[in-house]
Each structure stands twice: as structure tokens, then as C-alpha cells.
């Protein structure tokens, strides 16, 4: 099924990311079926699988009970496979809104998730960026193959990591990130280059 979508806005009481995405997908599929468009050509993936549903230009926004935006997922395309309940995303970008702490952007070449969207496996090059906010400067993190847990705003990888901010750059092996608190921990082989600021 091919759907060209604008934006789906979901308001959930507890703002569960997976629930928001699932409700958006089910609602959009139902609407498409109601329109009676029976002629569809489904694309196959690189491994030859044919998705049950295929979405193009998907944008899903989830909000808290007060109507504040919590996160926004945009993806070039999403393939849903009914045989194992998995979804594949092309060039996903997730924005996590933090009102007084600087928003985070998480982007990758592709991603996979299963079932309830509690976790996303971001594949290939992954970029994480904390946007500037008040006294917080921009911080960029580059790595590969990262697990992201949208509900808890946590991410982790065992791959090499590079962090660049206004103080300099830091490299290491493996990383855990608490995106809600803005805390980054490199796990091993940490080394850095820092910019000296003369007063």
C-alpha cells in the first residue's frame, strides 16, 4: 500500500512513542481502505521481502496531555511486514523536544523496529545533535549502529563515537546517552582535543 502523507498528529495521555506511531499507522491504513483504492503496487526491499504496507513521507507527532509536542518522527518511507511485525524506515529523523534543555535530533540511514516500537535499531551512520538553547551550545555525536529507546529517551552503541561541541572533540568506544537529561557517557578508549579559551 502506498500512501503519500502530510503529518499525523497524535495526542496520547502518557505520550508513548510506539503507541502514537501505531495509532497513526492503523488510522491511516483504515482511511486509505475506506477510500477504496484497490490498485496498489508494493515495492520489494533489498532482501526481496514485500511489505504488507508501505508509507511514503511519513511524519508523526506525539503530544503530552497538555498538548505540548514531545517528539516528532519523520521518515522518507516506512515498510511494514506482517509476517514478523517489523517495520523498516528509510532515512528516519526523530526530534525529541525538551522545553528548557535543548532539543535533540537523531538521524540515520535506516532503522528497524518490531512490534510496539519500544526500541529502534538505527543502522549505518547515525548522527545525534543537541540544538543550541539558552546557555547550551550545539553538541554533535557521530557513530554507527545504535539502539534508541524513544519512550525512555535513551540510546546506546558499542561502535566508535565522536563528539564535537564548543569545548573541542572527544572520541571513544561505545556510548550510552540519556537524552532526557542530556548526559553522554563514553564507555572506553576515551581521548579528546579541547580548545583553550584565554580570558
N, C-alpha and C. Protein backbone atom coordinates (compact mmCIF):
# COMPACT_ATOMS: atom_id res chain seq x y z
N UNK A 1 0.85 -1.16 0.00
CA UNK A 1 0.00 0.00 0.00
C UNK A 1 0.89 1.23 0.00
N UNK A 2 0.62 2.17 -0.87
CA UNK A 2 1.40 3.38 -0.95
C UNK A 2 0.55 4.54 -0.49
N UNK A 3 1.02 5.27 0.48
CA UNK A 3 0.31 6.44 0.99
C UNK A 3 1.24 7.64 0.95
N UNK A 4 0.77 8.73 0.41
CA UNK A 4 1.51 9.97 0.49
C UNK A 4 0.87 10.78 1.61
N UNK A 5 1.65 11.07 2.63
CA UNK A 5 1.09 11.66 3.83
C UNK A 5 1.68 13.02 4.11
N UNK A 6 0.88 13.86 4.70
CA UNK A 6 1.38 15.11 5.24
C UNK A 6 1.90 14.83 6.62
N UNK A 7 1.15 15.21 7.65
CA UNK A 7 1.56 14.95 9.02
C UNK A 7 0.41 14.35 9.79
N UNK A 8 0.71 13.38 10.63
CA UNK A 8 -0.29 12.82 11.52
C UNK A 8 0.02 13.32 12.92
N UNK A 9 -0.97 13.86 13.60
CA UNK A 9 -0.75 14.39 14.94
C UNK A 9 -1.47 13.50 15.93
N UNK A 10 -0.73 12.99 16.90
CA UNK A 10 -1.27 12.06 17.87
C UNK A 10 -1.14 12.68 19.26
N UNK A 11 -2.19 12.66 20.03
CA UNK A 11 -2.12 13.09 21.42
C UNK A 11 -2.40 11.88 22.29
N UNK A 12 -1.44 11.48 23.08
CA UNK A 12 -1.63 10.32 23.94
C UNK A 12 -1.46 10.76 25.38
N UNK A 13 -2.23 10.13 26.26
CA UNK A 13 -2.24 10.56 27.66
C UNK A 13 -0.87 10.48 28.29
N UNK A 14 -0.16 9.39 28.02
CA UNK A 14 1.16 9.24 28.61
C UNK A 14 2.27 9.42 27.58
N UNK A 15 1.90 9.78 26.37
CA UNK A 15 2.85 10.10 25.31
C UNK A 15 3.81 8.95 25.03
N UNK A 16 3.29 7.76 24.84
CA UNK A 16 4.12 6.64 24.46
C UNK A 16 4.38 6.72 22.97
N UNK A 17 5.64 6.77 22.61
CA UNK A 17 6.04 6.93 21.21
C UNK A 17 5.48 5.82 20.34
N UNK A 18 5.66 4.58 20.76
CA UNK A 18 5.19 3.45 19.96
C UNK A 18 3.69 3.46 19.76
N UNK A 19 2.95 3.79 20.80
CA UNK A 19 1.50 3.85 20.70
C UNK A 19 1.09 4.92 19.71
N UNK A 20 1.76 6.06 19.74
CA UNK A 20 1.44 7.14 18.83
C UNK A 20 1.65 6.71 17.38
N UNK A 21 2.78 6.08 17.12
CA UNK A 21 3.08 5.63 15.76
C UNK A 21 2.08 4.56 15.32
N UNK A 22 1.79 3.61 16.20
CA UNK A 22 0.85 2.54 15.88
C UNK A 22 -0.54 3.08 15.57
N UNK A 23 -1.03 3.99 16.38
CA UNK A 23 -2.35 4.56 16.14
C UNK A 23 -2.38 5.32 14.82
N UNK A 24 -1.31 6.07 14.54
CA UNK A 24 -1.24 6.81 13.28
C UNK A 24 -1.27 5.86 12.10
N UNK A 25 -0.49 4.79 12.17
CA UNK A 25 -0.43 3.84 11.06
C UNK A 25 -1.76 3.14 10.84
N UNK A 26 -2.38 2.67 11.93
CA UNK A 26 -3.67 1.98 11.81
C UNK A 26 -4.72 2.91 11.25
N UNK A 27 -4.76 4.14 11.76
CA UNK A 27 -5.75 5.11 11.28
C UNK A 27 -5.56 5.44 9.81
N UNK A 28 -4.31 5.62 9.40
CA UNK A 28 -4.05 5.95 8.00
C UNK A 28 -4.37 4.79 7.07
N UNK A 29 -4.06 3.57 7.50
CA UNK A 29 -4.40 2.40 6.69
C UNK A 29 -5.92 2.29 6.56
N UNK A 30 -6.63 2.47 7.66
CA UNK A 30 -8.08 2.38 7.62
C UNK A 30 -8.67 3.43 6.68
N UNK A 31 -8.18 4.68 6.77
CA UNK A 31 -8.66 5.73 5.88
C UNK A 31 -8.40 5.40 4.41
N UNK A 32 -7.22 4.86 4.15
CA UNK A 32 -6.88 4.51 2.78
C UNK A 32 -7.82 3.42 2.25
N UNK A 33 -8.10 2.44 3.09
CA UNK A 33 -9.01 1.36 2.69
C UNK A 33 -10.41 1.90 2.44
N UNK A 34 -10.84 2.86 3.24
CA UNK A 34 -12.17 3.44 3.09
C UNK A 34 -12.30 4.18 1.77
N UNK A 35 -11.21 4.71 1.27
CA UNK A 35 -11.26 5.44 0.01
C UNK A 35 -11.37 4.50 -1.19
N UNK A 36 -11.22 3.21 -0.94
CA UNK A 36 -11.46 2.22 -1.99
C UNK A 36 -10.38 2.12 -3.04
N UNK A 37 -9.18 2.53 -2.72
CA UNK A 37 -8.10 2.41 -3.70
C UNK A 37 -7.54 1.01 -3.65
N UNK A 38 -8.04 0.15 -4.54
CA UNK A 38 -7.65 -1.25 -4.51
C UNK A 38 -6.41 -1.54 -5.34
N UNK A 39 -6.06 -0.65 -6.27
CA UNK A 39 -4.93 -0.89 -7.14
C UNK A 39 -3.66 -0.36 -6.49
N UNK A 40 -2.81 -1.27 -6.06
CA UNK A 40 -1.56 -0.87 -5.40
C UNK A 40 -0.43 -1.77 -5.87
N UNK A 41 0.73 -1.19 -6.04
CA UNK A 41 1.92 -1.95 -6.35
C UNK A 41 2.88 -1.74 -5.19
N UNK A 42 3.21 -2.83 -4.51
CA UNK A 42 4.10 -2.74 -3.35
C UNK A 42 5.54 -2.93 -3.78
N UNK A 43 6.43 -2.11 -3.28
CA UNK A 43 7.84 -2.28 -3.61
C UNK A 43 8.43 -3.45 -2.83
N UNK A 44 9.47 -4.04 -3.38
CA UNK A 44 10.18 -5.06 -2.62
C UNK A 44 11.43 -4.42 -2.03
N UNK A 45 11.93 -5.00 -0.95
CA UNK A 45 13.12 -4.48 -0.30
C UNK A 45 14.36 -5.14 -0.90
N UNK A 46 15.52 -4.72 -0.42
CA UNK A 46 16.78 -5.26 -0.92
C UNK A 46 16.86 -6.77 -0.72
N UNK A 47 16.25 -7.28 0.34
CA UNK A 47 16.30 -8.73 0.59
C UNK A 47 15.13 -9.48 -0.06
N UNK A 48 14.36 -8.79 -0.91
CA UNK A 48 13.30 -9.45 -1.67
C UNK A 48 11.95 -9.54 -0.95
N UNK A 49 11.88 -9.07 0.27
CA UNK A 49 10.61 -9.11 1.01
C UNK A 49 9.65 -8.06 0.46
N UNK A 50 8.38 -8.39 0.48
CA UNK A 50 7.35 -7.45 0.05
C UNK A 50 6.56 -7.03 1.27
N UNK A 51 6.49 -5.73 1.54
CA UNK A 51 5.79 -5.27 2.74
C UNK A 51 4.28 -5.39 2.61
N UNK A 52 3.62 -5.54 3.75
CA UNK A 52 2.15 -5.53 3.76
C UNK A 52 1.64 -4.12 3.51
N UNK A 53 2.36 -3.11 4.05
CA UNK A 53 2.01 -1.71 3.85
C UNK A 53 3.28 -0.92 3.62
N UNK A 54 3.15 0.14 2.83
CA UNK A 54 4.28 0.98 2.50
C UNK A 54 3.84 2.43 2.60
N UNK A 55 4.50 3.21 3.43
CA UNK A 55 4.17 4.61 3.60
C UNK A 55 5.30 5.47 3.06
N UNK A 56 4.97 6.57 2.39
CA UNK A 56 5.98 7.50 1.89
C UNK A 56 5.77 8.85 2.57
N UNK A 57 6.86 9.49 2.92
CA UNK A 57 6.79 10.83 3.50
C UNK A 57 6.01 10.88 4.80
N UNK A 58 6.26 9.92 5.68
CA UNK A 58 5.52 9.83 6.93
C UNK A 58 6.06 10.80 7.98
N UNK A 59 5.16 11.50 8.64
CA UNK A 59 5.51 12.39 9.73
C UNK A 59 4.51 12.18 10.85
N UNK A 60 5.01 11.79 12.03
CA UNK A 60 4.14 11.51 13.18
C UNK A 60 4.60 12.36 14.36
N UNK A 61 3.67 13.10 14.95
CA UNK A 61 3.96 13.95 16.09
C UNK A 61 3.20 13.40 17.29
N UNK A 62 3.88 13.24 18.43
CA UNK A 62 3.18 12.84 19.65
C UNK A 62 3.22 13.98 20.66
N UNK A 63 2.13 14.11 21.42
CA UNK A 63 1.98 15.20 22.37
C UNK A 63 1.64 14.65 23.74
N UNK A 64 1.94 15.46 24.76
CA UNK A 64 1.57 15.08 26.11
C UNK A 64 0.14 15.52 26.40
N UNK A 65 -0.32 15.31 27.61
CA UNK A 65 -1.70 15.60 27.99
C UNK A 65 -2.01 17.10 27.91
N UNK A 66 -0.99 17.94 28.04
CA UNK A 66 -1.21 19.38 27.96
C UNK A 66 -1.14 19.91 26.53
N UNK A 67 -0.94 19.03 25.56
CA UNK A 67 -0.87 19.44 24.17
C UNK A 67 0.50 19.91 23.74
N UNK A 68 1.52 19.69 24.58
CA UNK A 68 2.89 20.04 24.21
C UNK A 68 3.50 18.93 23.37
N UNK A 69 4.21 19.31 22.32
CA UNK A 69 4.85 18.31 21.46
C UNK A 69 5.99 17.65 22.22
N UNK A 70 5.99 16.32 22.23
CA UNK A 70 7.02 15.54 22.93
C UNK A 70 8.09 15.07 21.95
N UNK A 71 7.66 14.51 20.82
CA UNK A 71 8.61 14.09 19.81
C UNK A 71 7.95 14.07 18.44
N UNK A 72 8.79 14.05 17.42
CA UNK A 72 8.31 14.04 16.04
C UNK A 72 9.21 13.11 15.23
N UNK A 73 8.60 12.16 14.57
CA UNK A 73 9.32 11.23 13.71
C UNK A 73 8.99 11.55 12.26
N UNK A 74 10.02 11.72 11.45
CA UNK A 74 9.84 11.86 10.01
C UNK A 74 10.69 10.80 9.33
N UNK A 75 10.14 10.18 8.30
CA UNK A 75 10.90 9.18 7.56
C UNK A 75 10.52 9.25 6.09
N UNK A 76 11.50 9.04 5.26
CA UNK A 76 11.26 9.09 3.81
C UNK A 76 10.27 8.02 3.40
N UNK A 77 10.40 6.83 3.99
CA UNK A 77 9.47 5.74 3.69
C UNK A 77 9.49 4.75 4.85
N UNK A 78 8.37 4.05 5.02
CA UNK A 78 8.26 3.03 6.05
C UNK A 78 7.63 1.79 5.43
N UNK A 79 8.30 0.65 5.58
CA UNK A 79 7.76 -0.63 5.13
C UNK A 79 7.34 -1.44 6.35
N UNK A 80 6.11 -1.90 6.37
CA UNK A 80 5.63 -2.73 7.46
C UNK A 80 5.46 -4.17 6.96
N UNK A 81 6.03 -5.15 7.69
CA UNK A 81 5.96 -6.55 7.31
C UNK A 81 5.10 -7.30 8.33
N UNK A 82 4.00 -7.86 7.85
CA UNK A 82 3.06 -8.52 8.76
C UNK A 82 3.54 -9.88 9.23
N UNK A 83 4.49 -10.51 8.51
CA UNK A 83 4.94 -11.85 8.90
C UNK A 83 5.66 -11.86 10.24
N UNK A 84 6.41 -10.79 10.54
CA UNK A 84 7.11 -10.74 11.83
C UNK A 84 6.81 -9.45 12.62
N UNK A 85 5.92 -8.62 12.10
CA UNK A 85 5.55 -7.39 12.79
C UNK A 85 6.62 -6.32 12.78
N UNK A 86 7.59 -6.45 11.88
CA UNK A 86 8.69 -5.48 11.83
C UNK A 86 8.38 -4.33 10.89
N UNK A 87 9.05 -3.23 11.12
CA UNK A 87 8.97 -2.07 10.24
C UNK A 87 10.38 -1.63 9.89
N UNK A 88 10.58 -1.25 8.64
CA UNK A 88 11.86 -0.69 8.19
C UNK A 88 11.62 0.75 7.78
N UNK A 89 12.49 1.64 8.25
CA UNK A 89 12.37 3.06 7.95
C UNK A 89 13.56 3.51 7.12
N UNK A 90 13.29 4.36 6.14
CA UNK A 90 14.35 4.93 5.32
C UNK A 90 14.63 6.36 5.77
N UNK A 91 15.86 6.64 6.08
CA UNK A 91 16.33 7.97 6.48
C UNK A 91 15.44 8.59 7.57
N UNK A 92 15.26 7.88 8.68
CA UNK A 92 14.43 8.45 9.74
C UNK A 92 15.13 9.58 10.49
N UNK A 93 14.34 10.56 10.91
CA UNK A 93 14.81 11.65 11.76
C UNK A 93 13.82 11.78 12.91
N UNK A 94 14.32 11.63 14.13
CA UNK A 94 13.48 11.77 15.31
C UNK A 94 13.92 13.03 16.06
N UNK A 95 12.96 13.90 16.34
CA UNK A 95 13.24 15.10 17.14
C UNK A 95 12.58 14.92 18.49
N UNK A 96 13.39 15.01 19.54
CA UNK A 96 12.91 14.90 20.91
C UNK A 96 12.91 16.30 21.50
N UNK A 97 11.74 16.78 21.87
CA UNK A 97 11.60 18.14 22.37
C UNK A 97 11.84 18.17 23.88
N UNK A 98 12.72 19.07 24.31
CA UNK A 98 13.00 19.26 25.75
C UNK A 98 12.88 20.76 25.99
N UNK A 99 11.85 21.17 26.64
CA UNK A 99 11.46 22.58 26.68
C UNK A 99 12.55 23.53 27.17
N UNK A 100 13.27 23.19 28.21
CA UNK A 100 14.27 24.11 28.74
C UNK A 100 15.68 23.56 28.68
N UNK A 101 15.92 22.54 27.86
CA UNK A 101 17.22 21.90 27.88
C UNK A 101 17.84 21.72 26.49
N UNK A 102 17.19 22.16 25.46
CA UNK A 102 17.71 21.97 24.10
C UNK A 102 17.19 20.68 23.49
N UNK A 103 16.57 20.78 22.33
CA UNK A 103 16.02 19.61 21.64
C UNK A 103 17.14 18.75 21.07
N UNK A 104 16.83 17.46 20.87
CA UNK A 104 17.75 16.52 20.25
C UNK A 104 17.20 16.08 18.90
N UNK A 105 18.08 15.96 17.92
CA UNK A 105 17.76 15.34 16.63
C UNK A 105 18.57 14.06 16.52
N UNK A 106 17.90 12.97 16.12
CA UNK A 106 18.58 11.69 15.91
C UNK A 106 18.24 11.24 14.50
N UNK A 107 19.27 11.01 13.67
CA UNK A 107 19.06 10.64 12.27
C UNK A 107 19.97 9.48 11.90
N UNK A 108 19.48 8.65 10.98
CA UNK A 108 20.29 7.53 10.49
C UNK A 108 19.92 7.22 9.05
N UNK A 109 20.72 6.35 8.44
CA UNK A 109 20.45 5.93 7.06
C UNK A 109 19.17 5.11 6.99
N UNK A 110 19.01 4.21 7.97
CA UNK A 110 17.82 3.36 8.02
C UNK A 110 17.61 2.90 9.45
N UNK A 111 16.45 2.31 9.71
CA UNK A 111 16.15 1.82 11.05
C UNK A 111 15.17 0.65 10.96
N UNK A 112 15.20 -0.19 11.99
CA UNK A 112 14.26 -1.31 12.11
C UNK A 112 13.63 -1.29 13.49
N UNK A 113 12.40 -1.72 13.56
CA UNK A 113 11.73 -1.87 14.84
C UNK A 113 10.75 -3.03 14.75
N UNK A 114 10.41 -3.58 15.89
CA UNK A 114 9.49 -4.71 15.95
C UNK A 114 8.34 -4.39 16.90
N UNK A 115 7.15 -4.84 16.54
CA UNK A 115 6.00 -4.81 17.44
C UNK A 115 5.61 -3.43 17.92
N UNK A 116 5.88 -3.15 19.19
CA UNK A 116 5.32 -1.97 19.84
C UNK A 116 6.20 -0.72 19.78
N UNK A 117 7.27 -0.73 19.02
CA UNK A 117 8.13 0.44 18.82
C UNK A 117 8.83 0.90 20.10
N UNK A 118 9.05 -0.01 21.04
CA UNK A 118 9.77 0.36 22.25
C UNK A 118 11.24 0.64 21.96
N UNK A 119 11.75 0.03 20.89
CA UNK A 119 13.16 0.24 20.54
C UNK A 119 13.29 0.35 19.02
N UNK A 120 14.27 1.15 18.61
CA UNK A 120 14.61 1.29 17.19
C UNK A 120 16.08 0.93 17.03
N UNK A 121 16.38 0.09 16.04
CA UNK A 121 17.76 -0.24 15.70
C UNK A 121 18.16 0.66 14.54
N UNK A 122 18.96 1.69 14.81
CA UNK A 122 19.40 2.63 13.79
C UNK A 122 20.65 2.07 13.13
N UNK A 123 20.59 1.89 11.81
CA UNK A 123 21.66 1.22 11.08
C UNK A 123 22.49 2.20 10.27
N UNK A 124 23.74 1.82 10.06
CA UNK A 124 24.65 2.65 9.27
C UNK A 124 25.07 3.87 10.06
N UNK A 125 25.41 4.94 9.35
CA UNK A 125 25.84 6.17 10.01
C UNK A 125 24.68 6.76 10.81
N UNK A 126 24.98 7.15 12.04
CA UNK A 126 23.99 7.75 12.93
C UNK A 126 24.53 9.10 13.40
N UNK A 127 23.69 10.12 13.33
CA UNK A 127 24.05 11.45 13.82
C UNK A 127 23.06 11.87 14.89
N UNK A 128 23.58 12.32 16.02
CA UNK A 128 22.76 12.84 17.11
C UNK A 128 23.22 14.27 17.35
N UNK A 129 22.26 15.18 17.44
CA UNK A 129 22.62 16.59 17.59
C UNK A 129 21.74 17.24 18.66
N UNK A 130 22.38 17.86 19.64
CA UNK A 130 21.65 18.69 20.59
C UNK A 130 21.66 20.10 20.05
N UNK A 131 20.48 20.66 19.84
CA UNK A 131 20.38 22.00 19.30
C UNK A 131 20.70 23.03 20.38
N UNK A 132 21.22 24.17 19.96
CA UNK A 132 21.56 25.23 20.90
C UNK A 132 20.30 25.74 21.59
N UNK A 133 20.43 26.05 22.88
CA UNK A 133 19.29 26.57 23.65
C UNK A 133 19.83 27.33 24.85
N UNK A 134 19.47 28.60 24.95
CA UNK A 134 19.92 29.47 26.04
C UNK A 134 21.43 29.37 26.22
N UNK A 135 21.91 28.87 27.35
CA UNK A 135 23.35 28.80 27.58
C UNK A 135 23.97 27.50 27.10
N UNK A 136 23.17 26.61 26.52
CA UNK A 136 23.69 25.34 25.99
C UNK A 136 24.07 25.50 24.52
N UNK A 137 25.29 25.11 24.18
CA UNK A 137 25.71 25.17 22.79
C UNK A 137 25.33 23.90 22.04
N UNK A 138 25.60 23.90 20.76
CA UNK A 138 25.34 22.73 19.92
C UNK A 138 26.32 21.62 20.28
N UNK A 139 25.83 20.38 20.33
CA UNK A 139 26.69 19.22 20.50
C UNK A 139 26.32 18.21 19.43
N UNK A 140 27.32 17.70 18.72
CA UNK A 140 27.09 16.71 17.67
C UNK A 140 27.79 15.41 18.03
N UNK A 141 27.08 14.31 17.84
CA UNK A 141 27.62 12.98 18.10
C UNK A 141 27.50 12.18 16.82
N UNK A 142 28.59 11.53 16.42
CA UNK A 142 28.57 10.67 15.23
C UNK A 142 29.00 9.28 15.63
N UNK A 143 28.23 8.30 15.16
CA UNK A 143 28.53 6.90 15.45
C UNK A 143 27.86 6.03 14.39
N UNK A 144 27.76 4.73 14.68
CA UNK A 144 27.08 3.77 13.80
C UNK A 144 26.28 2.80 14.65
N UNK A 145 25.27 2.21 14.04
CA UNK A 145 24.53 1.09 14.63
C UNK A 145 24.19 1.31 16.10
N UNK A 146 23.11 2.03 16.32
CA UNK A 146 22.75 2.47 17.65
C UNK A 146 21.34 2.00 18.02
N UNK A 147 21.17 1.55 19.25
CA UNK A 147 19.83 1.25 19.78
C UNK A 147 19.26 2.53 20.37
N UNK A 148 18.02 2.86 19.99
CA UNK A 148 17.32 4.03 20.53
C UNK A 148 16.02 3.56 21.16
N UNK A 149 15.77 4.03 22.39
CA UNK A 149 14.55 3.68 23.13
C UNK A 149 13.74 4.97 23.30
N UNK A 150 12.80 5.25 22.39
CA UNK A 150 12.09 6.54 22.40
C UNK A 150 11.31 6.83 23.68
N UNK A 151 10.69 5.82 24.28
CA UNK A 151 9.88 6.07 25.47
C UNK A 151 10.70 6.56 26.65
N UNK A 152 11.92 6.03 26.79
CA UNK A 152 12.78 6.43 27.91
C UNK A 152 13.83 7.45 27.49
N UNK A 153 13.86 7.81 26.20
CA UNK A 153 14.82 8.79 25.68
C UNK A 153 16.25 8.36 25.97
N UNK A 154 16.54 7.10 25.71
CA UNK A 154 17.86 6.53 25.99
C UNK A 154 18.40 5.90 24.71
N UNK A 155 19.72 5.96 24.52
CA UNK A 155 20.35 5.36 23.35
C UNK A 155 21.68 4.75 23.75
N UNK A 156 22.11 3.71 23.00
CA UNK A 156 23.39 3.08 23.29
C UNK A 156 23.97 2.43 22.05
N UNK A 157 25.30 2.37 22.01
CA UNK A 157 26.02 1.73 20.93
C UNK A 157 27.33 1.17 21.47
N UNK A 158 27.88 0.19 20.76
CA UNK A 158 29.20 -0.34 21.08
C UNK A 158 30.24 0.12 20.05
N UNK A 159 29.82 0.88 19.08
CA UNK A 159 30.69 1.33 17.99
C UNK A 159 31.50 2.56 18.39
N UNK A 160 32.53 2.91 17.58
CA UNK A 160 33.29 4.14 17.83
C UNK A 160 32.38 5.37 17.79
N UNK A 161 32.70 6.34 18.64
CA UNK A 161 31.87 7.54 18.80
C UNK A 161 32.77 8.77 18.72
N UNK A 162 32.25 9.81 18.07
CA UNK A 162 32.93 11.10 18.03
C UNK A 162 31.95 12.17 18.49
N UNK A 163 32.38 12.99 19.46
CA UNK A 163 31.53 14.06 20.00
C UNK A 163 32.23 15.39 19.74
N UNK A 164 31.50 16.33 19.18
CA UNK A 164 32.05 17.66 18.90
C UNK A 164 31.14 18.70 19.56
N UNK A 165 31.73 19.59 20.34
CA UNK A 165 30.98 20.70 20.92
C UNK A 165 31.89 21.92 21.00
N UNK A 166 31.43 22.97 21.65
CA UNK A 166 32.19 24.21 21.72
C UNK A 166 33.50 24.09 22.47
N UNK A 167 33.67 23.01 23.24
CA UNK A 167 34.89 22.82 24.01
C UNK A 167 35.97 22.06 23.25
N UNK A 168 35.58 21.37 22.17
CA UNK A 168 36.52 20.57 21.41
C UNK A 168 35.87 19.29 20.92
N UNK A 169 36.68 18.24 20.80
CA UNK A 169 36.15 16.96 20.33
C UNK A 169 36.63 15.84 21.23
N UNK A 170 35.80 14.80 21.34
CA UNK A 170 36.11 13.64 22.17
C UNK A 170 35.76 12.40 21.38
N UNK A 171 36.63 11.38 21.46
CA UNK A 171 36.38 10.10 20.80
C UNK A 171 36.41 9.00 21.85
N UNK A 172 35.70 7.92 21.53
CA UNK A 172 35.69 6.77 22.42
C UNK A 172 35.06 5.57 21.75
N UNK A 173 35.05 4.47 22.48
CA UNK A 173 34.43 3.23 22.01
C UNK A 173 33.21 2.95 22.87
N UNK A 174 32.06 2.86 22.24
CA UNK A 174 30.83 2.58 22.96
C UNK A 174 30.31 3.81 23.67
N UNK A 175 28.98 3.88 23.82
CA UNK A 175 28.38 5.07 24.41
C UNK A 175 26.99 4.75 24.91
N UNK A 176 26.62 5.42 26.00
CA UNK A 176 25.22 5.45 26.43
C UNK A 176 24.82 6.91 26.55
N UNK A 177 23.58 7.23 26.16
CA UNK A 177 23.10 8.61 26.16
C UNK A 177 21.74 8.66 26.81
N UNK A 178 21.61 9.51 27.82
CA UNK A 178 20.30 9.82 28.40
C UNK A 178 19.87 11.14 27.78
N UNK A 179 19.03 11.06 26.74
CA UNK A 179 18.64 12.26 26.01
C UNK A 179 17.72 13.15 26.84
N UNK A 180 17.00 12.59 27.78
CA UNK A 180 16.13 13.39 28.65
C UNK A 180 16.95 14.30 29.55
N UNK A 181 18.05 13.78 30.08
CA UNK A 181 18.90 14.56 30.99
C UNK A 181 20.05 15.25 30.27
N UNK A 182 20.31 14.85 29.02
CA UNK A 182 21.42 15.44 28.28
C UNK A 182 22.77 14.91 28.71
N UNK A 183 22.80 13.66 29.20
CA UNK A 183 24.05 13.07 29.69
C UNK A 183 24.58 12.04 28.70
N UNK A 184 25.86 12.18 28.35
CA UNK A 184 26.53 11.28 27.42
C UNK A 184 27.68 10.61 28.16
N UNK A 185 27.77 9.28 28.07
CA UNK A 185 28.86 8.55 28.70
C UNK A 185 29.56 7.68 27.66
N UNK A 186 30.86 7.93 27.46
CA UNK A 186 31.66 7.07 26.60
C UNK A 186 32.17 5.92 27.45
N UNK A 187 32.19 4.71 26.88
CA UNK A 187 32.45 3.51 27.68
C UNK A 187 33.91 3.14 27.79
N UNK A 188 34.72 3.40 26.76
CA UNK A 188 36.14 3.03 26.83
C UNK A 188 36.94 3.80 25.79
N UNK A 189 38.27 3.70 25.91
CA UNK A 189 39.23 4.30 24.96
C UNK A 189 38.93 5.78 24.71
N UNK A 190 38.69 6.51 25.78
CA UNK A 190 38.30 7.91 25.65
C UNK A 190 39.53 8.79 25.47
N UNK A 191 39.49 9.66 24.47
CA UNK A 191 40.54 10.65 24.27
C UNK A 191 39.92 11.89 23.65
N UNK A 192 40.52 13.03 23.92
CA UNK A 192 39.90 14.27 23.43
C UNK A 192 40.89 15.34 23.10
N UNK A 193 40.42 16.30 22.33
CA UNK A 193 41.16 17.50 21.98
C UNK A 193 40.29 18.68 22.37
N UNK A 194 40.81 19.56 23.19
CA UNK A 194 39.98 20.65 23.70
C UNK A 194 40.56 22.00 23.30
N UNK A 195 39.65 22.95 23.11
CA UNK A 195 40.02 24.30 22.71
C UNK A 195 40.31 25.11 23.97
N UNK A 196 41.48 25.71 24.02
CA UNK A 196 41.83 26.54 25.18
C UNK A 196 41.24 27.92 24.98
N UNK A 197 40.53 28.40 25.99
CA UNK A 197 39.94 29.72 25.92
C UNK A 197 40.68 30.65 26.87
N UNK A 198 41.35 31.66 26.31
CA UNK A 198 42.05 32.64 27.11
C UNK A 198 41.07 33.72 27.54
N UNK A 199 41.20 34.15 28.79
CA UNK A 199 40.28 35.18 29.31
C UNK A 199 40.89 36.54 29.18
